[in-house]
Amino acid sequence: MFIVEPVENKEPVKPGMPIYRGFSKETYKRYLAEGIAPESPASINKNSPSEIISFLFRERAPQKHIRGLEQGRFISFSVQKRVSDFYATAEYRKSGYIAIARFPDDCEGITISQSKRPYMYICSDNTVWIDLRVLRSLDLENVAAHSRTVVDHELLLMQGTIRPEKIISVKPDDCDRTFSPWAKWGEKILPRL
């Protein structure tokens, strides 16, 4: 089992902070017209972080990336642009896009007794967010998942719609190619069962 540590220090969620979603050309028009939202949002029990992790990682198999589990149930954003650059360009091989949005201003943070940082945000714009980085750091019985989401500094939009402030095109030559979030950790991160 790999023990995952962030490439950089975790950036806490702040109202209005920029968040990024790398995506391919095929998704461009939909994001412009409809915004960014899960197609089949899951119901969320805000009182059960264990249930949330179990839902997100129910396959309990090695995960190459959280996006492999999305399947319309949630949408991942990064708090670091260079992470989105990496995935927008399909790991620096072809051009793509990045949607830049702002985290909502008016949110209620849901915490767990062991953590000072919220693991969930329920916002006045009807969005619900999970900071899985916080959940992973807790010692939750049988469900603490080791995932790429920790290294990728991801927030998961579980419900609601985000309208991008801006969508920019990204070419591999525009990216910092010295940044490879998984060079140090390998391709498979195993859940801790």
N, C-alpha and C. Protein backbone atom coordinates (compact mmCIF):
# COMPACT_ATOMS: atom_id res chain seq x y z
N MET A 1 0.84 -1.18 0.00
CA MET A 1 0.00 0.00 0.00
C MET A 1 0.89 1.25 0.00
N PHE A 2 0.53 2.20 -0.86
CA PHE A 2 1.24 3.47 -0.88
C PHE A 2 0.69 4.37 0.23
N ILE A 3 1.55 5.12 0.86
CA ILE A 3 1.12 6.16 1.78
C ILE A 3 1.24 7.47 1.01
N VAL A 4 0.12 8.14 0.83
CA VAL A 4 0.08 9.31 -0.04
C VAL A 4 0.29 10.58 0.76
N GLU A 5 1.20 11.40 0.31
CA GLU A 5 1.40 12.73 0.88
C GLU A 5 1.22 13.74 -0.23
N PRO A 6 0.71 14.93 0.09
CA PRO A 6 0.52 15.93 -0.95
C PRO A 6 1.84 16.36 -1.58
N VAL A 7 1.79 16.76 -2.85
CA VAL A 7 2.96 17.31 -3.50
C VAL A 7 3.33 18.63 -2.85
N GLU A 8 2.33 19.42 -2.49
CA GLU A 8 2.53 20.68 -1.78
C GLU A 8 1.62 20.69 -0.57
N ASN A 9 1.75 21.73 0.26
CA ASN A 9 0.86 21.84 1.39
C ASN A 9 -0.57 21.98 0.92
N LYS A 10 -1.50 21.41 1.66
CA LYS A 10 -2.91 21.52 1.31
C LYS A 10 -3.35 22.97 1.46
N GLU A 11 -4.08 23.45 0.48
CA GLU A 11 -4.63 24.79 0.55
C GLU A 11 -6.05 24.70 1.09
N PRO A 12 -6.34 25.36 2.22
CA PRO A 12 -7.70 25.27 2.76
C PRO A 12 -8.69 25.99 1.86
N VAL A 13 -9.94 25.55 1.93
CA VAL A 13 -11.00 26.16 1.13
C VAL A 13 -11.31 27.54 1.70
N LYS A 14 -11.41 28.53 0.80
CA LYS A 14 -11.76 29.89 1.20
C LYS A 14 -12.85 30.40 0.27
N PRO A 15 -13.80 31.20 0.77
CA PRO A 15 -14.82 31.77 -0.11
C PRO A 15 -14.18 32.58 -1.23
N GLY A 16 -14.67 32.39 -2.44
CA GLY A 16 -14.18 33.16 -3.58
C GLY A 16 -12.85 32.70 -4.15
N MET A 17 -12.25 31.65 -3.59
CA MET A 17 -10.96 31.19 -4.11
C MET A 17 -11.15 30.59 -5.50
N PRO A 18 -10.16 30.73 -6.39
CA PRO A 18 -10.29 30.12 -7.71
C PRO A 18 -10.18 28.60 -7.63
N ILE A 19 -11.00 27.93 -8.42
CA ILE A 19 -10.95 26.48 -8.54
C ILE A 19 -10.93 26.16 -10.03
N TYR A 20 -10.36 25.02 -10.39
CA TYR A 20 -10.05 24.72 -11.78
C TYR A 20 -10.53 23.33 -12.15
N ARG A 21 -11.01 23.22 -13.39
CA ARG A 21 -11.42 21.92 -13.93
C ARG A 21 -10.81 21.77 -15.31
N GLY A 22 -9.90 20.82 -15.49
CA GLY A 22 -9.33 20.53 -16.80
C GLY A 22 -10.26 19.59 -17.55
N PHE A 23 -10.43 19.83 -18.85
CA PHE A 23 -11.32 18.99 -19.62
C PHE A 23 -10.94 19.01 -21.10
N SER A 24 -11.54 18.10 -21.85
CA SER A 24 -11.23 17.96 -23.27
C SER A 24 -12.10 18.88 -24.11
N LYS A 25 -11.79 18.96 -25.40
CA LYS A 25 -12.55 19.81 -26.32
C LYS A 25 -14.00 19.36 -26.43
N GLU A 26 -14.27 18.09 -26.25
CA GLU A 26 -15.62 17.56 -26.40
C GLU A 26 -16.60 18.17 -25.39
N THR A 27 -16.13 18.59 -24.25
CA THR A 27 -17.00 19.09 -23.18
C THR A 27 -17.19 20.61 -23.24
N TYR A 28 -16.42 21.28 -24.06
CA TYR A 28 -16.37 22.75 -24.09
C TYR A 28 -17.74 23.41 -24.22
N LYS A 29 -18.50 23.05 -25.23
CA LYS A 29 -19.79 23.70 -25.49
C LYS A 29 -20.78 23.46 -24.37
N ARG A 30 -20.79 22.26 -23.82
CA ARG A 30 -21.73 21.95 -22.74
C ARG A 30 -21.43 22.79 -21.50
N TYR A 31 -20.15 22.92 -21.16
CA TYR A 31 -19.80 23.73 -19.99
C TYR A 31 -20.16 25.20 -20.20
N LEU A 32 -19.99 25.70 -21.41
CA LEU A 32 -20.35 27.09 -21.70
C LEU A 32 -21.86 27.30 -21.59
N ALA A 33 -22.63 26.38 -22.15
CA ALA A 33 -24.08 26.55 -22.20
C ALA A 33 -24.78 26.21 -20.88
N GLU A 34 -24.36 25.13 -20.25
CA GLU A 34 -25.10 24.61 -19.10
C GLU A 34 -24.41 24.82 -17.76
N GLY A 35 -23.16 25.20 -17.77
CA GLY A 35 -22.40 25.23 -16.53
C GLY A 35 -21.85 23.84 -16.23
N ILE A 36 -21.27 23.68 -15.06
CA ILE A 36 -20.64 22.42 -14.68
C ILE A 36 -21.43 21.84 -13.51
N ALA A 37 -21.98 20.65 -13.72
CA ALA A 37 -22.81 20.02 -12.70
C ALA A 37 -22.76 18.51 -12.85
N PRO A 38 -22.91 17.78 -11.75
CA PRO A 38 -23.01 16.32 -11.87
C PRO A 38 -24.31 15.96 -12.60
N GLU A 39 -24.24 14.98 -13.49
CA GLU A 39 -25.42 14.56 -14.25
C GLU A 39 -26.39 13.76 -13.38
N SER A 40 -25.85 12.95 -12.48
CA SER A 40 -26.68 12.12 -11.59
C SER A 40 -26.22 12.33 -10.15
N PRO A 41 -26.51 13.53 -9.57
CA PRO A 41 -25.99 13.81 -8.23
C PRO A 41 -26.50 12.81 -7.20
N ALA A 42 -25.63 12.48 -6.28
CA ALA A 42 -25.98 11.53 -5.23
C ALA A 42 -26.60 12.26 -4.05
N SER A 43 -27.45 11.58 -3.33
CA SER A 43 -27.95 12.17 -2.08
C SER A 43 -26.83 12.10 -1.05
N ILE A 44 -26.71 13.14 -0.26
CA ILE A 44 -25.59 13.27 0.67
C ILE A 44 -26.11 13.31 2.10
N ASN A 45 -25.55 12.45 2.94
CA ASN A 45 -25.86 12.49 4.37
C ASN A 45 -24.75 13.27 5.05
N LYS A 46 -25.04 14.53 5.39
CA LYS A 46 -24.00 15.40 5.93
C LYS A 46 -23.48 14.94 7.29
N ASN A 47 -24.20 14.05 7.94
CA ASN A 47 -23.77 13.58 9.25
C ASN A 47 -22.93 12.31 9.20
N SER A 48 -22.62 11.85 7.98
CA SER A 48 -21.89 10.59 7.88
C SER A 48 -20.73 10.66 6.89
N PRO A 49 -19.57 11.14 7.34
CA PRO A 49 -18.41 11.12 6.45
C PRO A 49 -18.02 9.71 6.04
N SER A 50 -18.25 8.73 6.92
CA SER A 50 -17.95 7.35 6.57
C SER A 50 -18.79 6.89 5.39
N GLU A 51 -20.06 7.24 5.39
CA GLU A 51 -20.96 6.88 4.30
C GLU A 51 -20.54 7.54 2.99
N ILE A 52 -20.06 8.78 3.08
CA ILE A 52 -19.62 9.50 1.89
C ILE A 52 -18.41 8.83 1.27
N ILE A 53 -17.42 8.50 2.09
CA ILE A 53 -16.22 7.84 1.56
C ILE A 53 -16.57 6.46 1.01
N SER A 54 -17.43 5.75 1.72
CA SER A 54 -17.85 4.44 1.25
C SER A 54 -18.54 4.54 -0.11
N PHE A 55 -19.38 5.59 -0.28
CA PHE A 55 -20.05 5.81 -1.56
C PHE A 55 -19.04 6.11 -2.66
N LEU A 56 -18.11 7.00 -2.38
CA LEU A 56 -17.15 7.42 -3.40
C LEU A 56 -16.21 6.29 -3.81
N PHE A 57 -15.88 5.41 -2.86
CA PHE A 57 -14.90 4.36 -3.12
C PHE A 57 -15.50 2.98 -2.92
N ARG A 58 -16.75 2.81 -3.23
CA ARG A 58 -17.40 1.53 -2.93
C ARG A 58 -16.82 0.36 -3.69
N GLU A 59 -16.19 0.65 -4.83
CA GLU A 59 -15.57 -0.46 -5.56
C GLU A 59 -14.40 -1.05 -4.78
N ARG A 60 -13.79 -0.25 -3.92
CA ARG A 60 -12.67 -0.69 -3.07
C ARG A 60 -11.56 -1.34 -3.88
N ALA A 61 -11.29 -0.79 -5.01
CA ALA A 61 -10.22 -1.29 -5.88
C ALA A 61 -9.17 -0.20 -6.03
N PRO A 62 -7.98 -0.54 -6.49
CA PRO A 62 -6.98 0.50 -6.72
C PRO A 62 -7.54 1.57 -7.67
N GLN A 63 -7.33 2.84 -7.33
CA GLN A 63 -7.88 3.92 -8.14
C GLN A 63 -6.74 4.67 -8.81
N LYS A 64 -6.79 4.74 -10.13
CA LYS A 64 -5.81 5.54 -10.84
C LYS A 64 -6.10 7.03 -10.63
N HIS A 65 -7.39 7.39 -10.61
CA HIS A 65 -7.76 8.79 -10.45
C HIS A 65 -9.21 8.89 -10.04
N ILE A 66 -9.54 9.89 -9.26
CA ILE A 66 -10.92 10.08 -8.80
C ILE A 66 -11.88 10.21 -9.98
N ARG A 67 -11.42 10.75 -11.11
CA ARG A 67 -12.32 10.91 -12.26
C ARG A 67 -12.79 9.58 -12.81
N GLY A 68 -12.05 8.54 -12.56
CA GLY A 68 -12.52 7.22 -12.97
C GLY A 68 -13.75 6.78 -12.21
N LEU A 69 -14.01 7.42 -11.08
CA LEU A 69 -15.18 7.08 -10.27
C LEU A 69 -16.33 8.07 -10.45
N GLU A 70 -16.10 9.17 -11.17
CA GLU A 70 -17.12 10.22 -11.27
C GLU A 70 -18.45 9.69 -11.82
N GLN A 71 -18.43 9.18 -13.04
CA GLN A 71 -19.61 8.59 -13.67
C GLN A 71 -20.87 9.42 -13.46
N GLY A 72 -20.73 10.73 -13.55
CA GLY A 72 -21.88 11.62 -13.43
C GLY A 72 -22.35 11.87 -12.02
N ARG A 73 -21.71 11.24 -11.02
CA ARG A 73 -22.17 11.36 -9.64
C ARG A 73 -21.62 12.61 -8.96
N PHE A 74 -20.47 13.08 -9.39
CA PHE A 74 -19.86 14.29 -8.86
C PHE A 74 -18.89 14.82 -9.89
N ILE A 75 -18.40 16.04 -9.66
CA ILE A 75 -17.43 16.68 -10.57
C ILE A 75 -16.24 17.11 -9.73
N SER A 76 -15.04 16.78 -10.17
CA SER A 76 -13.85 17.16 -9.42
C SER A 76 -13.27 18.48 -9.93
N PHE A 77 -12.84 19.31 -9.00
CA PHE A 77 -12.13 20.54 -9.28
C PHE A 77 -10.82 20.49 -8.51
N SER A 78 -9.82 21.21 -8.98
CA SER A 78 -8.56 21.33 -8.24
C SER A 78 -8.41 22.74 -7.74
N VAL A 79 -7.70 22.89 -6.63
CA VAL A 79 -7.38 24.23 -6.14
C VAL A 79 -6.06 24.71 -6.73
N GLN A 80 -5.43 23.90 -7.58
CA GLN A 80 -4.17 24.29 -8.22
C GLN A 80 -4.33 24.23 -9.74
N LYS A 81 -4.04 25.33 -10.41
CA LYS A 81 -4.18 25.38 -11.87
C LYS A 81 -3.27 24.36 -12.55
N ARG A 82 -2.06 24.19 -12.05
CA ARG A 82 -1.14 23.29 -12.75
C ARG A 82 -1.61 21.84 -12.73
N VAL A 83 -2.40 21.46 -11.72
CA VAL A 83 -3.00 20.12 -11.73
C VAL A 83 -3.99 20.02 -12.87
N SER A 84 -4.81 21.06 -13.05
CA SER A 84 -5.78 21.05 -14.15
C SER A 84 -5.09 21.13 -15.50
N ASP A 85 -3.98 21.86 -15.59
CA ASP A 85 -3.19 21.87 -16.83
C ASP A 85 -2.81 20.44 -17.21
N PHE A 86 -2.36 19.69 -16.22
CA PHE A 86 -1.89 18.32 -16.43
C PHE A 86 -2.99 17.45 -17.03
N TYR A 87 -4.21 17.55 -16.48
CA TYR A 87 -5.30 16.72 -16.96
C TYR A 87 -5.99 17.29 -18.19
N ALA A 88 -6.01 18.61 -18.34
CA ALA A 88 -6.61 19.23 -19.54
C ALA A 88 -5.86 18.82 -20.79
N THR A 89 -4.57 18.64 -20.66
CA THR A 89 -3.75 18.28 -21.82
C THR A 89 -3.52 16.77 -21.89
N ALA A 90 -4.33 16.02 -21.20
CA ALA A 90 -4.17 14.56 -21.14
C ALA A 90 -2.72 14.22 -20.83
N GLU A 91 -2.28 14.76 -19.71
CA GLU A 91 -0.92 14.55 -19.20
C GLU A 91 0.13 15.06 -20.19
N TYR A 92 -0.12 16.28 -20.69
CA TYR A 92 0.83 17.05 -21.52
C TYR A 92 0.99 16.52 -22.94
N ARG A 93 0.04 15.79 -23.45
CA ARG A 93 0.20 15.25 -24.81
C ARG A 93 -0.63 15.97 -25.87
N LYS A 94 -1.80 16.54 -25.48
CA LYS A 94 -2.63 17.21 -26.46
C LYS A 94 -3.32 18.42 -25.83
N SER A 95 -3.84 19.31 -26.65
CA SER A 95 -4.48 20.52 -26.15
C SER A 95 -5.81 20.20 -25.48
N GLY A 96 -6.21 21.08 -24.57
CA GLY A 96 -7.48 20.94 -23.88
C GLY A 96 -7.93 22.29 -23.35
N TYR A 97 -8.78 22.26 -22.34
CA TYR A 97 -9.34 23.49 -21.77
C TYR A 97 -9.33 23.43 -20.25
N ILE A 98 -9.36 24.61 -19.65
CA ILE A 98 -9.53 24.72 -18.21
C ILE A 98 -10.68 25.68 -17.95
N ALA A 99 -11.63 25.24 -17.14
CA ALA A 99 -12.69 26.11 -16.65
C ALA A 99 -12.22 26.68 -15.32
N ILE A 100 -12.28 28.00 -15.20
CA ILE A 100 -11.90 28.67 -13.95
C ILE A 100 -13.18 29.22 -13.32
N ALA A 101 -13.42 28.82 -12.08
CA ALA A 101 -14.60 29.27 -11.35
C ALA A 101 -14.15 29.78 -9.99
N ARG A 102 -15.10 30.27 -9.23
CA ARG A 102 -14.83 30.72 -7.85
C ARG A 102 -15.64 29.87 -6.89
N PHE A 103 -15.00 29.48 -5.80
CA PHE A 103 -15.73 28.75 -4.77
C PHE A 103 -16.79 29.69 -4.20
N PRO A 104 -18.01 29.19 -3.93
CA PRO A 104 -19.08 30.07 -3.45
C PRO A 104 -18.71 30.81 -2.17
N ASP A 105 -19.30 31.99 -2.01
CA ASP A 105 -19.00 32.84 -0.86
C ASP A 105 -19.75 32.45 0.41
N ASP A 106 -21.00 32.07 0.29
CA ASP A 106 -21.85 31.86 1.47
C ASP A 106 -22.09 30.38 1.68
N CYS A 107 -21.29 29.76 2.54
CA CYS A 107 -21.38 28.31 2.76
C CYS A 107 -21.35 27.99 4.24
N GLU A 108 -22.03 26.92 4.60
CA GLU A 108 -21.94 26.36 5.95
C GLU A 108 -20.94 25.22 5.89
N GLY A 109 -19.89 25.29 6.71
CA GLY A 109 -18.89 24.23 6.75
C GLY A 109 -19.27 23.19 7.78
N ILE A 110 -19.27 21.93 7.39
CA ILE A 110 -19.59 20.81 8.29
C ILE A 110 -18.26 20.16 8.69
N THR A 111 -18.01 20.09 9.98
CA THR A 111 -16.74 19.53 10.46
C THR A 111 -16.98 18.22 11.22
N ILE A 112 -15.90 17.56 11.50
CA ILE A 112 -15.89 16.36 12.33
C ILE A 112 -15.06 16.72 13.56
N SER A 113 -15.38 16.14 14.68
CA SER A 113 -14.74 16.54 15.93
C SER A 113 -13.22 16.52 15.89
N GLN A 114 -12.62 15.58 15.15
CA GLN A 114 -11.16 15.48 15.12
C GLN A 114 -10.51 16.53 14.22
N SER A 115 -11.29 17.21 13.40
CA SER A 115 -10.73 18.12 12.41
C SER A 115 -11.25 19.53 12.61
N LYS A 116 -10.36 20.50 12.45
CA LYS A 116 -10.77 21.89 12.51
C LYS A 116 -11.31 22.37 11.17
N ARG A 117 -10.91 21.68 10.09
CA ARG A 117 -11.34 22.09 8.75
C ARG A 117 -12.59 21.32 8.35
N PRO A 118 -13.54 22.00 7.69
CA PRO A 118 -14.74 21.30 7.22
C PRO A 118 -14.41 20.26 6.15
N TYR A 119 -15.17 19.18 6.17
CA TYR A 119 -15.06 18.18 5.11
C TYR A 119 -16.17 18.37 4.08
N MET A 120 -17.21 19.14 4.44
CA MET A 120 -18.33 19.37 3.55
C MET A 120 -18.74 20.83 3.64
N TYR A 121 -19.18 21.38 2.50
CA TYR A 121 -19.69 22.74 2.44
C TYR A 121 -21.05 22.71 1.78
N ILE A 122 -22.06 23.23 2.49
CA ILE A 122 -23.40 23.37 1.94
C ILE A 122 -23.61 24.86 1.70
N CYS A 123 -23.78 25.25 0.44
CA CYS A 123 -23.70 26.66 0.06
C CYS A 123 -25.07 27.22 -0.33
N SER A 124 -25.21 28.53 -0.19
CA SER A 124 -26.48 29.19 -0.47
C SER A 124 -26.85 29.16 -1.96
N ASP A 125 -25.90 28.86 -2.84
CA ASP A 125 -26.21 28.75 -4.27
C ASP A 125 -26.67 27.33 -4.65
N ASN A 126 -27.03 26.54 -3.62
CA ASN A 126 -27.53 25.17 -3.79
C ASN A 126 -26.46 24.19 -4.26
N THR A 127 -25.19 24.51 -4.03
CA THR A 127 -24.13 23.55 -4.30
C THR A 127 -23.72 22.87 -3.00
N VAL A 128 -23.26 21.64 -3.13
CA VAL A 128 -22.72 20.88 -2.00
C VAL A 128 -21.36 20.37 -2.43
N TRP A 129 -20.37 20.63 -1.60
CA TRP A 129 -18.98 20.29 -1.90
C TRP A 129 -18.41 19.36 -0.84
N ILE A 130 -17.53 18.46 -1.26
CA ILE A 130 -16.79 17.59 -0.35
C ILE A 130 -15.30 17.90 -0.52
N ASP A 131 -14.62 18.12 0.60
CA ASP A 131 -13.16 18.24 0.58
C ASP A 131 -12.62 16.89 1.07
N LEU A 132 -12.42 15.99 0.13
CA LEU A 132 -12.02 14.63 0.49
C LEU A 132 -10.62 14.60 1.10
N ARG A 133 -9.85 15.66 0.88
CA ARG A 133 -8.52 15.75 1.50
C ARG A 133 -8.65 15.73 3.01
N VAL A 134 -9.70 16.36 3.52
CA VAL A 134 -9.92 16.40 4.96
C VAL A 134 -10.39 15.04 5.46
N LEU A 135 -11.33 14.43 4.74
CA LEU A 135 -11.82 13.11 5.16
C LEU A 135 -10.71 12.08 5.18
N ARG A 136 -9.86 12.10 4.17
CA ARG A 136 -8.78 11.12 4.08
C ARG A 136 -7.82 11.24 5.25
N SER A 137 -7.68 12.45 5.78
CA SER A 137 -6.70 12.66 6.86
C SER A 137 -7.20 12.14 8.20
N LEU A 138 -8.49 11.81 8.29
CA LEU A 138 -9.04 11.33 9.55
C LEU A 138 -8.91 9.82 9.64
N ASP A 139 -8.86 9.33 10.85
CA ASP A 139 -8.77 7.88 11.04
C ASP A 139 -10.18 7.33 11.18
N LEU A 140 -10.88 7.20 10.05
CA LEU A 140 -12.25 6.71 10.07
C LEU A 140 -12.23 5.19 9.90
N GLU A 141 -12.96 4.51 10.75
CA GLU A 141 -12.93 3.05 10.78
C GLU A 141 -13.31 2.43 9.44
N ASN A 142 -12.38 1.67 8.86
CA ASN A 142 -12.58 0.86 7.67
C ASN A 142 -12.84 1.61 6.37
N VAL A 143 -12.79 2.93 6.37
CA VAL A 143 -13.15 3.62 5.13
C VAL A 143 -12.16 4.69 4.70
N ALA A 144 -11.04 4.85 5.41
CA ALA A 144 -10.10 5.92 5.04
C ALA A 144 -9.43 5.57 3.72
N ALA A 145 -9.79 6.27 2.66
CA ALA A 145 -9.31 5.93 1.33
C ALA A 145 -8.07 6.72 0.98
N HIS A 146 -7.06 6.01 0.49
CA HIS A 146 -5.88 6.66 -0.07
C HIS A 146 -6.18 6.87 -1.55
N SER A 147 -6.15 8.11 -1.99
CA SER A 147 -6.59 8.39 -3.35
C SER A 147 -5.75 9.47 -3.99
N ARG A 148 -5.79 9.50 -5.28
CA ARG A 148 -5.11 10.57 -6.02
C ARG A 148 -5.69 11.93 -5.65
N THR A 149 -6.89 11.96 -5.14
CA THR A 149 -7.51 13.23 -4.82
C THR A 149 -6.70 14.03 -3.80
N VAL A 150 -5.94 13.35 -2.95
CA VAL A 150 -5.11 14.06 -1.98
C VAL A 150 -3.97 14.77 -2.68
N VAL A 151 -3.33 14.08 -3.58
CA VAL A 151 -2.20 14.67 -4.29
C VAL A 151 -2.66 15.73 -5.28
N ASP A 152 -3.84 15.53 -5.86
CA ASP A 152 -4.35 16.48 -6.84
C ASP A 152 -5.08 17.67 -6.22
N HIS A 153 -5.17 17.71 -4.91
CA HIS A 153 -5.79 18.85 -4.22
C HIS A 153 -7.20 19.10 -4.73
N GLU A 154 -8.03 18.07 -4.74
CA GLU A 154 -9.34 18.16 -5.35
C GLU A 154 -10.47 18.42 -4.35
N LEU A 155 -11.44 19.18 -4.86
CA LEU A 155 -12.73 19.36 -4.20
C LEU A 155 -13.77 18.71 -5.11
N LEU A 156 -14.76 18.07 -4.52
CA LEU A 156 -15.77 17.38 -5.31
C LEU A 156 -17.09 18.13 -5.22
N LEU A 157 -17.63 18.54 -6.37
CA LEU A 157 -18.96 19.14 -6.45
C LEU A 157 -19.96 18.00 -6.50
N MET A 158 -20.72 17.83 -5.42
CA MET A 158 -21.64 16.70 -5.31
C MET A 158 -23.03 17.05 -5.82
N GLN A 159 -23.44 18.31 -5.65
CA GLN A 159 -24.77 18.76 -6.08
C GLN A 159 -24.68 20.20 -6.53
N GLY A 160 -25.57 20.60 -7.45
CA GLY A 160 -25.64 21.99 -7.90
C GLY A 160 -24.83 22.23 -9.16
N THR A 161 -24.85 23.48 -9.59
CA THR A 161 -24.19 23.89 -10.83
C THR A 161 -23.25 25.05 -10.58
N ILE A 162 -22.07 24.97 -11.16
CA ILE A 162 -21.09 26.06 -11.11
C ILE A 162 -20.96 26.65 -12.50
N ARG A 163 -21.00 27.97 -12.59
CA ARG A 163 -20.79 28.67 -13.86
C ARG A 163 -19.35 29.14 -13.92
N PRO A 164 -18.59 28.70 -14.92
CA PRO A 164 -17.20 29.15 -15.01
C PRO A 164 -17.12 30.65 -15.26
N GLU A 165 -16.16 31.30 -14.61
CA GLU A 165 -15.86 32.70 -14.88
C GLU A 165 -15.21 32.84 -16.25
N LYS A 166 -14.39 31.84 -16.54
CA LYS A 166 -13.60 31.89 -17.77
C LYS A 166 -13.25 30.47 -18.17
N ILE A 167 -13.18 30.25 -19.48
CA ILE A 167 -12.68 28.99 -20.01
C ILE A 167 -11.50 29.33 -20.91
N ILE A 168 -10.36 28.73 -20.63
CA ILE A 168 -9.16 29.04 -21.41
C ILE A 168 -8.65 27.77 -22.09
N SER A 169 -8.04 27.96 -23.25
CA SER A 169 -7.43 26.80 -23.92
C SER A 169 -6.01 26.63 -23.38
N VAL A 170 -5.58 25.38 -23.33
CA VAL A 170 -4.26 25.05 -22.81
C VAL A 170 -3.57 24.11 -23.80
N LYS A 171 -2.36 24.46 -24.16
CA LYS A 171 -1.55 23.59 -25.02
C LYS A 171 -0.44 22.99 -24.17
N PRO A 172 0.02 21.81 -24.53
CA PRO A 172 1.10 21.20 -23.75
C PRO A 172 2.31 22.12 -23.57
N ASP A 173 2.63 22.92 -24.59
CA ASP A 173 3.78 23.82 -24.48
C ASP A 173 3.57 24.94 -23.47
N ASP A 174 2.30 25.21 -23.10
CA ASP A 174 1.99 26.27 -22.13
C ASP A 174 2.20 25.79 -20.69
N CYS A 175 2.38 24.51 -20.49
CA CYS A 175 2.37 23.93 -19.15
C CYS A 175 3.77 23.78 -18.56
N ASP A 176 3.80 23.74 -17.25
CA ASP A 176 5.03 23.45 -16.52
C ASP A 176 5.25 21.94 -16.57
N ARG A 177 6.05 21.49 -17.50
CA ARG A 177 6.24 20.05 -17.68
C ARG A 177 7.10 19.41 -16.59
N THR A 178 7.66 20.21 -15.73
CA THR A 178 8.39 19.62 -14.61
C THR A 178 7.42 19.12 -13.54
N PHE A 179 6.16 19.54 -13.64
CA PHE A 179 5.16 19.13 -12.67
C PHE A 179 4.47 17.85 -13.15
N SER A 180 4.66 16.80 -12.41
CA SER A 180 3.98 15.54 -12.68
C SER A 180 3.52 14.99 -11.33
N PRO A 181 2.24 15.20 -11.01
CA PRO A 181 1.80 14.90 -9.64
C PRO A 181 1.98 13.46 -9.23
N TRP A 182 2.09 12.54 -10.21
CA TRP A 182 2.18 11.14 -9.86
C TRP A 182 3.54 10.53 -10.10
N ALA A 183 4.52 11.33 -10.49
CA ALA A 183 5.86 10.79 -10.73
C ALA A 183 6.41 10.13 -9.48
N LYS A 184 6.14 10.73 -8.33
CA LYS A 184 6.70 10.24 -7.08
C LYS A 184 5.92 9.05 -6.51
N TRP A 185 4.63 8.95 -6.84
CA TRP A 185 3.79 8.00 -6.13
C TRP A 185 3.33 6.81 -6.95
N GLY A 186 3.57 6.81 -8.24
CA GLY A 186 3.15 5.67 -9.04
C GLY A 186 1.71 5.80 -9.51
N GLU A 187 1.26 4.81 -10.22
CA GLU A 187 -0.05 4.89 -10.88
C GLU A 187 -1.20 4.36 -10.05
N LYS A 188 -0.95 3.51 -9.07
CA LYS A 188 -2.07 2.94 -8.33
C LYS A 188 -1.94 3.28 -6.86
N ILE A 189 -3.02 3.82 -6.33
CA ILE A 189 -3.09 4.12 -4.91
C ILE A 189 -4.18 3.24 -4.33
N LEU A 190 -3.86 2.47 -3.34
CA LEU A 190 -4.80 1.50 -2.79
C LEU A 190 -5.60 2.10 -1.64
N PRO A 191 -6.91 1.83 -1.60
CA PRO A 191 -7.68 2.22 -0.41
C PRO A 191 -7.17 1.45 0.80
N ARG A 192 -7.23 2.08 1.95
CA ARG A 192 -6.91 1.38 3.21
C ARG A 192 -8.22 0.78 3.72
N LEU A 193 -8.30 -0.51 3.76
CA LEU A 193 -9.55 -1.18 4.17
C LEU A 193 -9.57 -1.50 5.65
